[in-house]
Amino acid sequence: MTAPKLMPFVRQALPVDSVSFRRHAHEIVDWMADYMDDVESCPVRAHVKPGDIAAKLPDSAPATP
């Protein structure tokens, strides 16, 4: 079986070897399991009031990046 062809940007984002891929995959699954163990304590809504974030933005975009 050959590996499927990936879009260049997808190939670039993937780890270069199977050992790194496995390590990252295990880290993600561990994070997901920890989240599910404690999901009841996570907030359902944001802790900001309407307009709080907009009030922190500058009045205009910067002239340069």
PDB file of N, CA and C in Angstrom:
ATOM      1  N   MET A   1       0.847  -1.177   0.000  1.00  0.00           N
ATOM      2  CA  MET A   1       0.000   0.000   0.000  1.00  0.00           C
ATOM      3  C   MET A   1       0.894   1.242   0.000  1.00  0.00           C
ATOM      4  N   THR A   2       0.588   2.187  -0.853  1.00  0.00           N
ATOM      5  CA  THR A   2       1.377   3.412  -0.909  1.00  0.00           C
ATOM      6  C   THR A   2       0.654   4.509  -0.146  1.00  0.00           C
ATOM      7  N   ALA A   3       1.432   5.444   0.360  1.00  0.00           N
ATOM      8  CA  ALA A   3       0.848   6.567   1.093  1.00  0.00           C
ATOM      9  C   ALA A   3       0.066   7.448   0.135  1.00  0.00           C
ATOM     10  N   PRO A   4      -1.089   7.972   0.567  1.00  0.00           N
ATOM     11  CA  PRO A   4      -1.855   8.856  -0.306  1.00  0.00           C
ATOM     12  C   PRO A   4      -1.082  10.134  -0.573  1.00  0.00           C
ATOM     13  N   LYS A   5      -1.301  10.700  -1.740  1.00  0.00           N
ATOM     14  CA  LYS A   5      -0.651  11.966  -2.045  1.00  0.00           C
ATOM     15  C   LYS A   5      -1.318  13.056  -1.216  1.00  0.00           C
ATOM     16  N   LEU A   6      -0.496  13.862  -0.608  1.00  0.00           N
ATOM     17  CA  LEU A   6      -1.000  14.943   0.220  1.00  0.00           C
ATOM     18  C   LEU A   6      -0.735  16.272  -0.450  1.00  0.00           C
ATOM     19  N   MET A   7      -1.599  17.209  -0.166  1.00  0.00           N
ATOM     20  CA  MET A   7      -1.369  18.566  -0.664  1.00  0.00           C
ATOM     21  C   MET A   7      -0.058  19.039  -0.050  1.00  0.00           C
ATOM     22  N   PRO A   8       0.732  19.851  -0.757  1.00  0.00           N
ATOM     23  CA  PRO A   8       2.033  20.288  -0.217  1.00  0.00           C
ATOM     24  C   PRO A   8       1.941  20.912   1.166  1.00  0.00           C
ATOM     25  N   PHE A   9       0.912  21.733   1.428  1.00  0.00           N
ATOM     26  CA  PHE A   9       0.830  22.376   2.735  1.00  0.00           C
ATOM     27  C   PHE A   9       0.497  21.366   3.825  1.00  0.00           C
ATOM     28  N   VAL A  10      -0.210  20.298   3.501  1.00  0.00           N
ATOM     29  CA  VAL A  10      -0.506  19.262   4.485  1.00  0.00           C
ATOM     30  C   VAL A  10       0.761  18.462   4.776  1.00  0.00           C
ATOM     31  N   ARG A  11       1.475  18.080   3.742  1.00  0.00           N
ATOM     32  CA  ARG A  11       2.708  17.322   3.925  1.00  0.00           C
ATOM     33  C   ARG A  11       3.694  18.109   4.782  1.00  0.00           C
ATOM     34  N   GLN A  12       3.766  19.404   4.575  1.00  0.00           N
ATOM     35  CA  GLN A  12       4.697  20.240   5.313  1.00  0.00           C
ATOM     36  C   GLN A  12       4.312  20.307   6.791  1.00  0.00           C
ATOM     37  N   ALA A  13       3.018  20.244   7.100  1.00  0.00           N
ATOM     38  CA  ALA A  13       2.560  20.372   8.481  1.00  0.00           C
ATOM     39  C   ALA A  13       2.720  19.073   9.270  1.00  0.00           C
ATOM     40  N   LEU A  14       2.850  17.934   8.563  1.00  0.00           N
ATOM     41  CA  LEU A  14       2.965  16.657   9.252  1.00  0.00           C
ATOM     42  C   LEU A  14       4.385  16.428   9.756  1.00  0.00           C
ATOM     43  N   PRO A  15       4.529  15.679  10.869  1.00  0.00           N
ATOM     44  CA  PRO A  15       5.868  15.325  11.322  1.00  0.00           C
ATOM     45  C   PRO A  15       6.595  14.547  10.226  1.00  0.00           C
ATOM     46  N   VAL A  16       7.893  14.589  10.230  1.00  0.00           N
ATOM     47  CA  VAL A  16       8.671  13.988   9.156  1.00  0.00           C
ATOM     48  C   VAL A  16       8.852  12.485   9.312  1.00  0.00           C
ATOM     49  N   ASP A  17       8.620  11.941  10.470  1.00  0.00           N
ATOM     50  CA  ASP A  17       8.817  10.508  10.638  1.00  0.00           C
ATOM     51  C   ASP A  17       7.705   9.915  11.500  1.00  0.00           C
ATOM     52  N   SER A  18       7.585   8.591  11.448  1.00  0.00           N
ATOM     53  CA  SER A  18       6.499   7.923  12.160  1.00  0.00           C
ATOM     54  C   SER A  18       6.646   8.022  13.677  1.00  0.00           C
ATOM     55  N   VAL A  19       7.869   8.107  14.176  1.00  0.00           N
ATOM     56  CA  VAL A  19       8.082   8.222  15.623  1.00  0.00           C
ATOM     57  C   VAL A  19       7.518   9.548  16.128  1.00  0.00           C
ATOM     58  N   SER A  20       7.822  10.641  15.419  1.00  0.00           N
ATOM     59  CA  SER A  20       7.287  11.949  15.809  1.00  0.00           C
ATOM     60  C   SER A  20       5.772  11.972  15.681  1.00  0.00           C
ATOM     61  N   PHE A  21       5.267  11.379  14.593  1.00  0.00           N
ATOM     62  CA  PHE A  21       3.824  11.338  14.387  1.00  0.00           C
ATOM     63  C   PHE A  21       3.140  10.616  15.546  1.00  0.00           C
ATOM     64  N   ARG A  22       3.657   9.463  15.928  1.00  0.00           N
ATOM     65  CA  ARG A  22       3.069   8.708  17.040  1.00  0.00           C
ATOM     66  C   ARG A  22       3.115   9.509  18.342  1.00  0.00           C
ATOM     67  N   ARG A  23       4.242  10.168  18.598  1.00  0.00           N
ATOM     68  CA  ARG A  23       4.372  10.949  19.838  1.00  0.00           C
ATOM     69  C   ARG A  23       3.337  12.063  19.881  1.00  0.00           C
ATOM     70  N   HIS A  24       3.206  12.784  18.779  1.00  0.00           N
ATOM     71  CA  HIS A  24       2.226  13.883  18.737  1.00  0.00           C
ATOM     72  C   HIS A  24       0.802  13.348  18.836  1.00  0.00           C
ATOM     73  N   ALA A  25       0.528  12.243  18.170  1.00  0.00           N
ATOM     74  CA  ALA A  25      -0.808  11.661  18.222  1.00  0.00           C
ATOM     75  C   ALA A  25      -1.157  11.233  19.648  1.00  0.00           C
ATOM     76  N   HIS A  26      -0.206  10.629  20.352  1.00  0.00           N
ATOM     77  CA  HIS A  26      -0.443  10.226  21.737  1.00  0.00           C
ATOM     78  C   HIS A  26      -0.689  11.454  22.620  1.00  0.00           C
ATOM     79  N   GLU A  27       0.047  12.526  22.389  1.00  0.00           N
ATOM     80  CA  GLU A  27      -0.152  13.753  23.168  1.00  0.00           C
ATOM     81  C   GLU A  27      -1.555  14.303  22.950  1.00  0.00           C
ATOM     82  N   ILE A  28      -2.024  14.273  21.719  1.00  0.00           N
ATOM     83  CA  ILE A  28      -3.366  14.782  21.415  1.00  0.00           C
ATOM     84  C   ILE A  28      -4.426  13.922  22.089  1.00  0.00           C
ATOM     85  N   VAL A  29      -4.289  12.603  21.989  1.00  0.00           N
ATOM     86  CA  VAL A  29      -5.272  11.709  22.604  1.00  0.00           C
ATOM     87  C   VAL A  29      -5.252  11.867  24.123  1.00  0.00           C
ATOM     88  N   ASP A  30      -4.081  12.009  24.721  1.00  0.00           N
ATOM     89  CA  ASP A  30      -4.000  12.242  26.167  1.00  0.00           C
ATOM     90  C   ASP A  30      -4.713  13.534  26.546  1.00  0.00           C
ATOM     91  N   TRP A  31      -4.511  14.597  25.767  1.00  0.00           N
ATOM     92  CA  TRP A  31      -5.182  15.871  26.040  1.00  0.00           C
ATOM     93  C   TRP A  31      -6.698  15.701  25.942  1.00  0.00           C
ATOM     94  N   MET A  32      -7.154  14.982  24.908  1.00  0.00           N
ATOM     95  CA  MET A  32      -8.595  14.760  24.733  1.00  0.00           C
ATOM     96  C   MET A  32      -9.179  13.976  25.908  1.00  0.00           C
ATOM     97  N   ALA A  33      -8.474  12.931  26.361  1.00  0.00           N
ATOM     98  CA  ALA A  33      -8.955  12.120  27.479  1.00  0.00           C
ATOM     99  C   ALA A  33      -9.003  12.954  28.757  1.00  0.00           C
ATOM    100  N   ASP A  34      -7.978  13.766  29.006  1.00  0.00           N
ATOM    101  CA  ASP A  34      -7.973  14.639  30.185  1.00  0.00           C
ATOM    102  C   ASP A  34      -9.129  15.625  30.124  1.00  0.00           C
ATOM    103  N   TYR A  35      -9.385  16.181  28.947  1.00  0.00           N
ATOM    104  CA  TYR A  35     -10.495  17.124  28.779  1.00  0.00           C
ATOM    105  C   TYR A  35     -11.815  16.429  29.102  1.00  0.00           C
ATOM    106  N   MET A  36     -12.016  15.228  28.566  1.00  0.00           N
ATOM    107  CA  MET A  36     -13.269  14.518  28.796  1.00  0.00           C
ATOM    108  C   MET A  36     -13.447  14.147  30.272  1.00  0.00           C
ATOM    109  N   ASP A  37     -12.347  13.876  30.978  1.00  0.00           N
ATOM    110  CA  ASP A  37     -12.434  13.565  32.402  1.00  0.00           C
ATOM    111  C   ASP A  37     -12.918  14.751  33.216  1.00  0.00           C
ATOM    112  N   ASP A  38     -12.669  15.978  32.724  1.00  0.00           N
ATOM    113  CA  ASP A  38     -12.955  17.183  33.502  1.00  0.00           C
ATOM    114  C   ASP A  38     -13.892  18.141  32.770  1.00  0.00           C
ATOM    115  N   VAL A  39     -14.603  17.658  31.757  1.00  0.00           N
ATOM    116  CA  VAL A  39     -15.409  18.542  30.917  1.00  0.00           C
ATOM    117  C   VAL A  39     -16.504  19.272  31.707  1.00  0.00           C
ATOM    118  N   GLU A  40     -17.008  18.650  32.761  1.00  0.00           N
ATOM    119  CA  GLU A  40     -18.083  19.286  33.534  1.00  0.00           C
ATOM    120  C   GLU A  40     -17.643  20.591  34.189  1.00  0.00           C
ATOM    121  N   SER A  41     -16.357  20.763  34.421  1.00  0.00           N
ATOM    122  CA  SER A  41     -15.880  21.979  35.081  1.00  0.00           C
ATOM    123  C   SER A  41     -15.572  23.099  34.086  1.00  0.00           C
ATOM    124  N   CYS A  42     -15.650  22.810  32.794  1.00  0.00           N
ATOM    125  CA  CYS A  42     -15.339  23.822  31.782  1.00  0.00           C
ATOM    126  C   CYS A  42     -16.533  24.765  31.598  1.00  0.00           C
ATOM    127  N   PRO A  43     -16.258  26.054  31.426  1.00  0.00           N
ATOM    128  CA  PRO A  43     -17.361  26.999  31.234  1.00  0.00           C
ATOM    129  C   PRO A  43     -18.046  26.775  29.887  1.00  0.00           C
ATOM    130  N   VAL A  44     -19.340  27.005  29.856  1.00  0.00           N
ATOM    131  CA  VAL A  44     -20.112  26.867  28.628  1.00  0.00           C
ATOM    132  C   VAL A  44     -20.080  28.175  27.846  1.00  0.00           C
ATOM    133  N   ARG A  45     -20.043  29.267  28.562  1.00  0.00           N
ATOM    134  CA  ARG A  45     -20.034  30.590  27.924  1.00  0.00           C
ATOM    135  C   ARG A  45     -18.764  31.340  28.278  1.00  0.00           C
ATOM    136  N   ALA A  46     -18.434  32.301  27.445  1.00  0.00           N
ATOM    137  CA  ALA A  46     -17.262  33.146  27.699  1.00  0.00           C
ATOM    138  C   ALA A  46     -17.513  34.014  28.933  1.00  0.00           C
ATOM    139  N   HIS A  47     -16.447  34.385  29.608  1.00  0.00           N
ATOM    140  CA  HIS A  47     -16.553  35.234  30.793  1.00  0.00           C
ATOM    141  C   HIS A  47     -16.312  36.696  30.451  1.00  0.00           C
ATOM    142  N   VAL A  48     -16.835  37.145  29.335  1.00  0.00           N
ATOM    143  CA  VAL A  48     -16.739  38.555  28.955  1.00  0.00           C
ATOM    144  C   VAL A  48     -18.138  39.069  28.683  1.00  0.00           C
ATOM    145  N   LYS A  49     -18.294  40.357  28.828  1.00  0.00           N
ATOM    146  CA  LYS A  49     -19.575  40.996  28.545  1.00  0.00           C
ATOM    147  C   LYS A  49     -19.581  41.462  27.093  1.00  0.00           C
ATOM    148  N   PRO A  50     -20.745  41.566  26.490  1.00  0.00           N
ATOM    149  CA  PRO A  50     -20.803  42.074  25.117  1.00  0.00           C
ATOM    150  C   PRO A  50     -20.086  43.421  25.008  1.00  0.00           C
ATOM    151  N   GLY A  51     -19.222  43.531  24.032  1.00  0.00           N
ATOM    152  CA  GLY A  51     -18.493  44.771  23.799  1.00  0.00           C
ATOM    153  C   GLY A  51     -17.132  44.837  24.468  1.00  0.00           C
ATOM    154  N   ASP A  52     -16.822  43.942  25.401  1.00  0.00           N
ATOM    155  CA  ASP A  52     -15.528  43.979  26.103  1.00  0.00           C
ATOM    156  C   ASP A  52     -14.350  43.838  25.148  1.00  0.00           C
ATOM    157  N   ILE A  53     -14.436  42.892  24.225  1.00  0.00           N
ATOM    158  CA  ILE A  53     -13.321  42.661  23.307  1.00  0.00           C
ATOM    159  C   ILE A  53     -13.220  43.801  22.305  1.00  0.00           C
ATOM    160  N   ALA A  54     -14.336  44.239  21.768  1.00  0.00           N
ATOM    161  CA  ALA A  54     -14.319  45.347  20.809  1.00  0.00           C
ATOM    162  C   ALA A  54     -13.741  46.605  21.444  1.00  0.00           C
ATOM    163  N   ALA A  55     -13.984  46.821  22.714  1.00  0.00           N
ATOM    164  CA  ALA A  55     -13.461  48.006  23.404  1.00  0.00           C
ATOM    165  C   ALA A  55     -11.944  47.978  23.511  1.00  0.00           C
ATOM    166  N   LYS A  56     -11.334  46.815  23.427  1.00  0.00           N
ATOM    167  CA  LYS A  56      -9.877  46.696  23.534  1.00  0.00           C
ATOM    168  C   LYS A  56      -9.171  46.855  22.187  1.00  0.00           C
ATOM    169  N   LEU A  57      -9.924  46.840  21.099  1.00  0.00           N
ATOM    170  CA  LEU A  57      -9.321  46.983  19.781  1.00  0.00           C
ATOM    171  C   LEU A  57      -8.998  48.448  19.497  1.00  0.00           C
ATOM    172  N   PRO A  58      -7.946  48.720  18.729  1.00  0.00           N
ATOM    173  CA  PRO A  58      -7.631  50.105  18.379  1.00  0.00           C
ATOM    174  C   PRO A  58      -8.710  50.669  17.437  1.00  0.00           C
ATOM    175  N   ASP A  59      -8.789  51.982  17.375  1.00  0.00           N
ATOM    176  CA  ASP A  59      -9.797  52.629  16.535  1.00  0.00           C
ATOM    177  C   ASP A  59      -9.557  52.387  15.043  1.00  0.00           C
ATOM    178  N   SER A  60      -8.294  52.196  14.664  1.00  0.00           N
ATOM    179  CA  SER A  60      -7.984  51.952  13.247  1.00  0.00           C
ATOM    180  C   SER A  60      -6.880  50.909  13.130  1.00  0.00           C
ATOM    181  N   ALA A  61      -6.799  50.343  11.954  1.00  0.00           N
ATOM    182  CA  ALA A  61      -5.750  49.334  11.698  1.00  0.00           C
ATOM    183  C   ALA A  61      -4.390  50.000  11.633  1.00  0.00           C
ATOM    184  N   PRO A  62      -3.312  49.275  11.919  1.00  0.00           N
ATOM    185  CA  PRO A  62      -1.983  49.873  11.835  1.00  0.00           C
ATOM    186  C   PRO A  62      -1.617  50.186  10.375  1.00  0.00           C
ATOM    187  N   ALA A  63      -0.794  51.186  10.181  1.00  0.00           N
ATOM    188  CA  ALA A  63      -0.382  51.574   8.840  1.00  0.00           C
ATOM    189  C   ALA A  63       0.608  50.568   8.255  1.00  0.00           C
ATOM    190  N   THR A  64       1.371  49.897   9.097  1.00  0.00           N
ATOM    191  CA  THR A  64       2.345  48.903   8.652  1.00  0.00           C
ATOM    192  C   THR A  64       2.143  47.621   9.461  1.00  0.00           C
ATOM    193  N   PRO A  65       2.575  46.497   8.915  1.00  0.00           N
ATOM    194  CA  PRO A  65       2.411  45.240   9.655  1.00  0.00           C
ATOM    195  C   PRO A  65       3.226  45.198  10.936  1.00  0.00           C
TER     196      PRO A  65
END
